[in-house]
Amino acid sequence: MPASDTSAELLTRLADAPPHPYPESIIQEMIGRMEEMTPALLEVLADAARRPKHYVKAGNWKQVVFASYLLAQFRVTAAFQPLCTLLGGPEEEVDAIFTDMITEDMGNILASVYDGNDRPLRALAENRSASEYVRGGTVLRCYQCLLAEGKITREFLETYVTELLGGKLEREPGIWWDCWTELCADLGFASTLPLIQKAIDDDLCDPWYYGFDEILQAAGNGGNEDWRKSAGLIEDTIKETSWWAAWEKADELEKEDDDDEVSEEDWESYLLDSPMPETATVVRAAPKVGRNDPCPCGSGMKFKKCCGAA
């Protein structure tokens, strides 16, 4: 790559890079020029917060996505505020830019650039116009990472979750109720049991997300340590992003989709062979189900295309 390339030109090369293969040489160049790239990457986030539609088009999304990861790897706390502002924008545009990052790495990214002030996080959790997956998955994961890193205490987090369940969340069903009650269960916040029970009684939680008996039992009995497995900071942008299906050729993606398909006959056979007893308690088949994970119902489809879509 020519040494005369400016940081802006390097970002343009990233946006214009073909969809495959993974643009490793460009990302490696950016990492090697960390000090020079940091202001330019911060400007990308600020600009995306001002006009997100521009970054939904063509390859511009790559500038925002890699700015997020690289600034997280560089531990640039100045990225925290603009990233929170961007995530609080229109749900359709935020989802189009970040897709599955929202429920996977975005919370880890926010924790990696955390500036010590959690007010922007609280604003996201309580923002009724923001993406429900940002309000639940992203913010929740960030708090878990901050707890694991010792940047907040259990008491601090338990107090805030109590405020959320006690009145700061709207009293209508939403993924945020499932996510925040799950956090109470995973961390064993016994003080929140009455609030969880009230949410269940008011039909605010989905039994398919986390079984009601299971969530109450976990919250009242010390929780578990499974949440720590995904509560880390971003260390290596290339390792975190190079495996994505986004870099595969179209014919490879088509083959993967074909492999995921389940015939109507197989689906009907599964339903007939697996009746649910009327008295059965629905519980979660695994500690956590990502939107791209296999659906726990056994259909063979991804969760987001099966029970998660409902």
Protein backbone atom coordinates (compact mmCIF):
# COMPACT_ATOMS: atom_id res chain seq x y z
CA MET A 1 0.00 0.00 0.00
CA PRO A 2 1.44 3.42 -0.92
CA ALA A 3 2.97 5.23 2.04
CA SER A 4 1.26 8.43 0.85
CA ASP A 5 -2.20 7.10 1.67
CA THR A 6 -3.83 9.29 4.30
CA SER A 7 -6.11 7.91 7.00
CA ALA A 8 -9.12 9.16 5.01
CA GLU A 9 -7.87 7.40 1.88
CA LEU A 10 -7.35 4.22 3.85
CA LEU A 11 -10.95 4.36 5.07
CA THR A 12 -12.10 4.86 1.49
CA ARG A 13 -10.12 1.80 0.41
CA LEU A 14 -11.89 -0.16 3.14
CA ALA A 15 -15.34 0.95 1.99
CA ASP A 16 -14.47 0.18 -1.64
CA ALA A 17 -12.92 -3.22 -0.90
CA PRO A 18 -14.74 -6.16 -2.56
CA PRO A 19 -17.08 -8.24 -0.38
CA HIS A 20 -14.56 -11.07 -0.33
CA PRO A 21 -11.99 -11.94 0.75
CA TYR A 22 -11.62 -10.42 4.21
CA PRO A 23 -9.73 -7.06 3.96
CA GLU A 24 -6.97 -8.16 6.34
CA SER A 25 -4.17 -6.10 4.81
CA ILE A 26 -6.18 -2.89 5.20
CA ILE A 27 -7.11 -3.65 8.80
CA GLN A 28 -3.53 -4.60 9.61
CA GLU A 29 -2.34 -1.29 8.15
CA MET A 30 -4.84 0.59 10.32
CA ILE A 31 -3.64 -1.25 13.43
CA GLY A 32 -0.03 -0.41 12.59
CA ARG A 33 -0.95 3.27 12.26
CA MET A 34 -3.03 3.41 15.46
CA GLU A 35 -2.18 6.97 16.55
CA GLU A 36 -2.81 8.39 13.08
CA MET A 37 -6.01 6.41 12.54
CA THR A 38 -7.66 7.11 15.89
CA PRO A 39 -8.97 10.64 15.10
CA ALA A 40 -10.25 9.47 11.72
CA LEU A 41 -12.03 6.48 13.26
CA LEU A 42 -13.61 8.69 15.90
CA GLU A 43 -14.88 11.00 13.18
CA VAL A 44 -16.48 8.01 11.41
CA LEU A 45 -18.50 7.20 14.55
CA ALA A 46 -19.50 10.84 15.05
CA ASP A 47 -20.51 11.17 11.41
CA ALA A 48 -22.47 7.90 11.52
CA ALA A 49 -24.39 9.20 14.52
CA ARG A 50 -25.30 12.32 12.53
CA ARG A 51 -26.27 10.57 9.29
CA PRO A 52 -26.59 6.80 9.75
CA LYS A 53 -28.29 6.27 6.38
CA HIS A 54 -25.02 7.16 4.62
CA TYR A 55 -23.34 4.19 6.31
CA VAL A 56 -26.10 1.74 5.42
CA LYS A 57 -25.23 2.13 1.73
CA ALA A 58 -22.77 -0.02 -0.18
CA GLY A 59 -19.57 -0.73 1.73
CA ASN A 60 -19.76 2.27 4.04
CA TRP A 61 -20.95 0.03 6.88
CA LYS A 62 -17.44 -1.44 7.01
CA GLN A 63 -16.05 1.92 8.09
CA VAL A 64 -18.36 2.05 11.12
CA VAL A 65 -17.98 -1.60 12.03
CA PHE A 66 -14.19 -1.57 11.91
CA ALA A 67 -14.00 1.83 13.59
CA SER A 68 -15.94 0.28 16.49
CA TYR A 69 -13.69 -2.76 16.77
CA LEU A 70 -10.39 -0.93 16.28
CA LEU A 71 -11.18 1.81 18.78
CA ALA A 72 -12.20 -0.91 21.22
CA GLN A 73 -8.90 -2.73 20.64
CA PHE A 74 -7.05 0.59 21.07
CA ARG A 75 -9.07 1.31 24.30
CA VAL A 76 -10.03 4.79 23.10
CA THR A 77 -12.52 6.03 25.71
CA ALA A 78 -13.45 9.00 23.52
CA ALA A 79 -15.39 6.50 21.37
CA PHE A 80 -17.85 5.64 24.15
CA GLN A 81 -20.17 8.65 23.86
CA PRO A 82 -20.48 8.77 20.04
CA LEU A 83 -20.97 5.02 19.88
CA CYS A 84 -23.79 5.20 22.45
CA THR A 85 -25.34 8.07 20.50
CA LEU A 86 -25.20 6.04 17.29
CA LEU A 87 -26.73 2.96 18.95
CA GLY A 88 -29.62 5.07 20.21
CA GLY A 89 -30.55 6.08 16.68
CA PRO A 90 -33.30 4.67 14.41
CA GLU A 91 -33.62 0.93 14.96
CA GLU A 92 -33.78 0.04 11.27
CA GLU A 93 -30.59 1.88 10.43
CA VAL A 94 -28.68 0.71 13.51
CA ASP A 95 -29.64 -2.88 12.74
CA ALA A 96 -28.65 -2.50 9.08
CA ILE A 97 -25.17 -1.25 10.01
CA PHE A 98 -24.34 -3.58 12.88
CA THR A 99 -26.62 -6.62 12.25
CA ASP A 100 -25.68 -9.45 14.65
CA MET A 101 -22.95 -7.39 16.31
CA ILE A 102 -25.73 -5.87 18.41
CA THR A 103 -26.32 -9.06 20.37
CA GLU A 104 -22.82 -10.47 20.05
CA ASP A 105 -19.78 -8.16 20.35
CA MET A 106 -21.26 -4.68 20.70
CA GLY A 107 -21.53 -4.87 24.48
CA ASN A 108 -17.90 -5.99 24.65
CA ILE A 109 -16.93 -3.10 22.38
CA LEU A 110 -18.69 -0.56 24.59
CA ALA A 111 -17.02 -1.98 27.69
CA SER A 112 -13.64 -1.73 25.95
CA VAL A 113 -14.06 2.03 25.41
CA TYR A 114 -15.99 2.77 28.63
CA ASP A 115 -15.09 6.19 29.99
CA GLY A 116 -16.26 5.67 33.57
CA ASN A 117 -19.66 7.35 33.19
CA ASP A 118 -22.54 4.92 32.69
CA ARG A 119 -25.22 7.56 32.06
CA PRO A 120 -25.14 6.95 28.27
CA LEU A 121 -25.69 3.24 28.97
CA ARG A 122 -28.67 4.01 31.17
CA ALA A 123 -30.05 6.30 28.49
CA LEU A 124 -29.85 3.45 25.97
CA ALA A 125 -31.54 0.95 28.30
CA GLU A 126 -34.38 3.37 28.95
CA ASN A 127 -34.72 4.73 25.40
CA ARG A 128 -38.11 3.48 24.18
CA SER A 129 -37.36 4.36 20.58
CA ALA A 130 -34.03 2.49 20.45
CA SER A 131 -33.56 -1.06 19.16
CA GLU A 132 -34.93 -3.58 21.64
CA TYR A 133 -31.79 -5.68 21.16
CA VAL A 134 -29.59 -2.68 21.98
CA ARG A 135 -31.66 -1.96 25.09
CA GLY A 136 -31.41 -5.56 26.18
CA GLY A 137 -28.50 -7.49 24.68
CA THR A 138 -25.95 -4.73 24.06
CA VAL A 139 -26.35 -2.76 27.29
CA LEU A 140 -26.68 -5.89 29.41
CA ARG A 141 -23.49 -7.42 27.94
CA CYS A 142 -21.62 -4.17 28.50
CA TYR A 143 -22.55 -4.12 32.18
CA GLN A 144 -21.51 -7.77 32.51
CA CYS A 145 -18.12 -6.97 30.97
CA LEU A 146 -17.67 -3.98 33.26
CA LEU A 147 -18.48 -6.16 36.24
CA ALA A 148 -16.07 -8.88 35.12
CA GLU A 149 -13.33 -6.26 34.63
CA GLY A 150 -13.93 -4.77 38.10
CA LYS A 151 -15.03 -1.40 36.69
CA ILE A 152 -18.38 -1.59 38.52
CA THR A 153 -19.53 -3.56 41.57
CA ARG A 154 -22.29 -6.13 41.93
CA GLU A 155 -24.10 -3.77 44.28
CA PHE A 156 -23.96 -0.96 41.73
CA LEU A 157 -25.40 -3.17 39.00
CA GLU A 158 -28.03 -4.76 41.24
CA THR A 159 -29.25 -1.32 42.30
CA TYR A 160 -29.64 -0.18 38.70
CA VAL A 161 -31.37 -3.38 37.54
CA THR A 162 -33.78 -2.98 40.46
CA GLU A 163 -34.59 0.52 39.20
CA LEU A 164 -35.19 -0.83 35.69
CA LEU A 165 -37.49 -3.66 36.73
CA GLY A 166 -39.15 -1.47 39.32
CA GLY A 167 -40.36 1.25 36.99
CA LYS A 168 -37.87 2.53 34.43
CA LEU A 169 -38.82 -0.11 31.87
CA GLU A 170 -42.21 0.28 30.21
CA ARG A 171 -44.78 -2.27 31.36
CA GLU A 172 -45.22 -3.99 28.03
CA PRO A 173 -43.66 -7.19 26.66
CA GLY A 174 -40.26 -6.80 25.05
CA ILE A 175 -36.91 -8.50 24.67
CA TRP A 176 -35.55 -6.06 27.26
CA TRP A 177 -37.63 -7.79 29.95
CA ASP A 178 -36.24 -11.18 28.97
CA CYS A 179 -32.66 -9.90 28.92
CA TRP A 180 -32.71 -8.00 32.20
CA THR A 181 -34.50 -10.74 34.15
CA GLU A 182 -31.97 -13.17 32.67
CA LEU A 183 -29.17 -11.02 34.05
CA CYS A 184 -30.79 -11.18 37.50
CA ALA A 185 -30.88 -14.96 37.23
CA ASP A 186 -27.31 -15.33 35.95
CA LEU A 187 -25.91 -13.05 38.66
CA GLY A 188 -28.13 -14.35 41.45
CA PHE A 189 -29.76 -11.03 42.34
CA ALA A 190 -32.15 -12.48 44.94
CA SER A 191 -33.46 -9.04 45.88
CA THR A 192 -35.11 -8.78 42.46
CA LEU A 193 -37.23 -11.94 42.87
CA PRO A 194 -40.48 -10.04 43.63
CA LEU A 195 -39.91 -7.83 40.57
CA ILE A 196 -39.23 -10.84 38.35
CA GLN A 197 -42.36 -12.59 39.64
CA LYS A 198 -44.39 -9.43 38.98
CA ALA A 199 -43.04 -9.25 35.42
CA ILE A 200 -43.99 -12.89 34.87
CA ASP A 201 -47.46 -12.37 36.34
CA ASP A 202 -47.97 -9.36 34.04
CA ASP A 203 -46.96 -11.39 30.96
CA LEU A 204 -43.95 -9.19 30.28
CA CYS A 205 -41.51 -12.10 29.89
CA ASP A 206 -41.45 -14.83 27.24
CA PRO A 207 -41.32 -18.40 28.67
CA TRP A 208 -39.43 -19.57 25.58
CA TYR A 209 -36.53 -17.24 26.36
CA TYR A 210 -35.78 -18.45 29.88
CA GLY A 211 -38.13 -20.83 31.70
CA PHE A 212 -40.01 -19.12 34.50
CA ASP A 213 -39.22 -21.76 37.12
CA GLU A 214 -35.58 -21.77 36.03
CA ILE A 215 -35.17 -18.01 36.15
CA LEU A 216 -36.69 -17.71 39.62
CA GLN A 217 -34.62 -20.59 40.95
CA ALA A 218 -31.35 -19.20 39.52
CA ALA A 219 -31.99 -15.67 40.80
CA GLY A 220 -32.72 -16.96 44.30
CA ASN A 221 -29.85 -19.45 44.48
CA GLY A 222 -26.71 -17.54 43.63
CA GLY A 223 -26.93 -17.57 39.83
CA ASN A 224 -24.15 -19.13 37.77
CA GLU A 225 -20.83 -18.28 36.17
CA ASP A 226 -21.78 -19.01 32.54
CA TRP A 227 -22.16 -15.29 31.79
CA ARG A 228 -18.41 -14.77 32.29
CA LYS A 229 -17.64 -16.81 29.16
CA SER A 230 -18.76 -13.94 26.95
CA ALA A 231 -17.83 -11.05 29.26
CA GLY A 232 -14.45 -9.98 27.89
CA LEU A 233 -12.93 -6.98 26.15
CA ILE A 234 -11.94 -6.71 22.49
CA GLU A 235 -8.28 -7.68 22.07
CA ASP A 236 -7.86 -8.62 18.39
CA THR A 237 -10.05 -7.07 15.69
CA ILE A 238 -8.93 -9.46 12.98
CA LYS A 239 -9.59 -12.52 15.14
CA GLU A 240 -13.04 -11.20 16.08
CA THR A 241 -14.16 -10.34 12.54
CA SER A 242 -12.32 -12.44 9.95
CA TRP A 243 -14.54 -15.52 10.38
CA TRP A 244 -17.79 -13.72 9.46
CA ALA A 245 -19.97 -15.11 6.68
CA ALA A 246 -19.98 -11.60 5.18
CA TRP A 247 -16.58 -12.34 3.61
CA GLU A 248 -17.66 -15.59 1.94
CA LYS A 249 -18.41 -15.86 -1.76
CA ALA A 250 -22.05 -15.88 -2.82
CA ASP A 251 -21.98 -19.53 -3.92
CA GLU A 252 -20.57 -20.56 -0.52
CA LEU A 253 -23.34 -18.65 1.27
CA GLU A 254 -26.00 -20.27 -0.92
CA LYS A 255 -24.63 -23.71 -0.04
CA GLU A 256 -24.73 -22.84 3.67
CA ASP A 257 -28.34 -21.68 3.37
CA ASP A 258 -29.24 -24.88 1.56
CA ASP A 259 -27.64 -26.92 4.34
CA ASP A 260 -29.73 -25.01 6.91
CA GLU A 261 -33.03 -25.72 5.18
CA VAL A 262 -35.43 -28.19 6.77
CA SER A 263 -38.02 -29.90 4.61
CA GLU A 264 -41.72 -29.52 5.42
CA GLU A 265 -41.95 -33.28 5.90
CA ASP A 266 -39.06 -33.33 8.41
CA TRP A 267 -40.56 -30.39 10.31
CA GLU A 268 -43.99 -32.03 10.52
CA SER A 269 -42.38 -35.28 11.61
CA TYR A 270 -40.50 -33.46 14.38
CA LEU A 271 -43.68 -31.82 15.65
CA LEU A 272 -45.60 -35.11 15.65
CA ASP A 273 -42.82 -37.01 17.38
CA SER A 274 -42.21 -34.32 20.01
CA PRO A 275 -45.54 -33.35 21.56
CA MET A 276 -45.38 -31.02 24.54
CA PRO A 277 -47.24 -32.27 27.64
CA GLU A 278 -49.86 -29.84 28.86
CA THR A 279 -48.22 -29.71 32.29
CA ALA A 280 -44.68 -29.32 31.01
CA THR A 281 -42.53 -26.42 32.20
CA VAL A 282 -40.78 -24.73 29.32
CA VAL A 283 -37.11 -24.20 30.13
CA ARG A 284 -34.13 -22.97 28.19
CA ALA A 285 -32.20 -25.76 26.51
CA ALA A 286 -28.86 -23.95 26.83
CA PRO A 287 -27.51 -21.11 28.98
CA LYS A 288 -27.88 -18.57 26.16
CA VAL A 289 -29.20 -18.66 22.61
CA GLY A 290 -27.72 -16.26 20.09
CA ARG A 291 -29.70 -15.17 17.06
CA ASN A 292 -27.36 -17.17 14.80
CA ASP A 293 -27.24 -20.25 17.02
CA PRO A 294 -29.20 -23.42 16.15
CA CYS A 295 -32.74 -23.13 17.49
CA PRO A 296 -33.10 -25.13 20.75
CA CYS A 297 -36.40 -26.56 19.50
CA GLY A 298 -34.40 -28.89 17.26
CA SER A 299 -35.70 -27.66 13.91
CA GLY A 300 -32.22 -27.36 12.44
CA MET A 301 -32.78 -23.72 11.58
CA LYS A 302 -31.07 -20.70 13.10
CA PHE A 303 -32.81 -19.33 16.19
CA LYS A 304 -33.57 -15.98 14.52
CA LYS A 305 -35.33 -17.78 11.65
CA CYS A 306 -37.32 -20.11 13.92
CA CYS A 307 -38.56 -19.54 17.49
CA GLY A 308 -36.62 -16.28 17.70
CA ALA A 309 -38.60 -14.84 14.82
CA ALA A 310 -41.83 -15.37 16.76
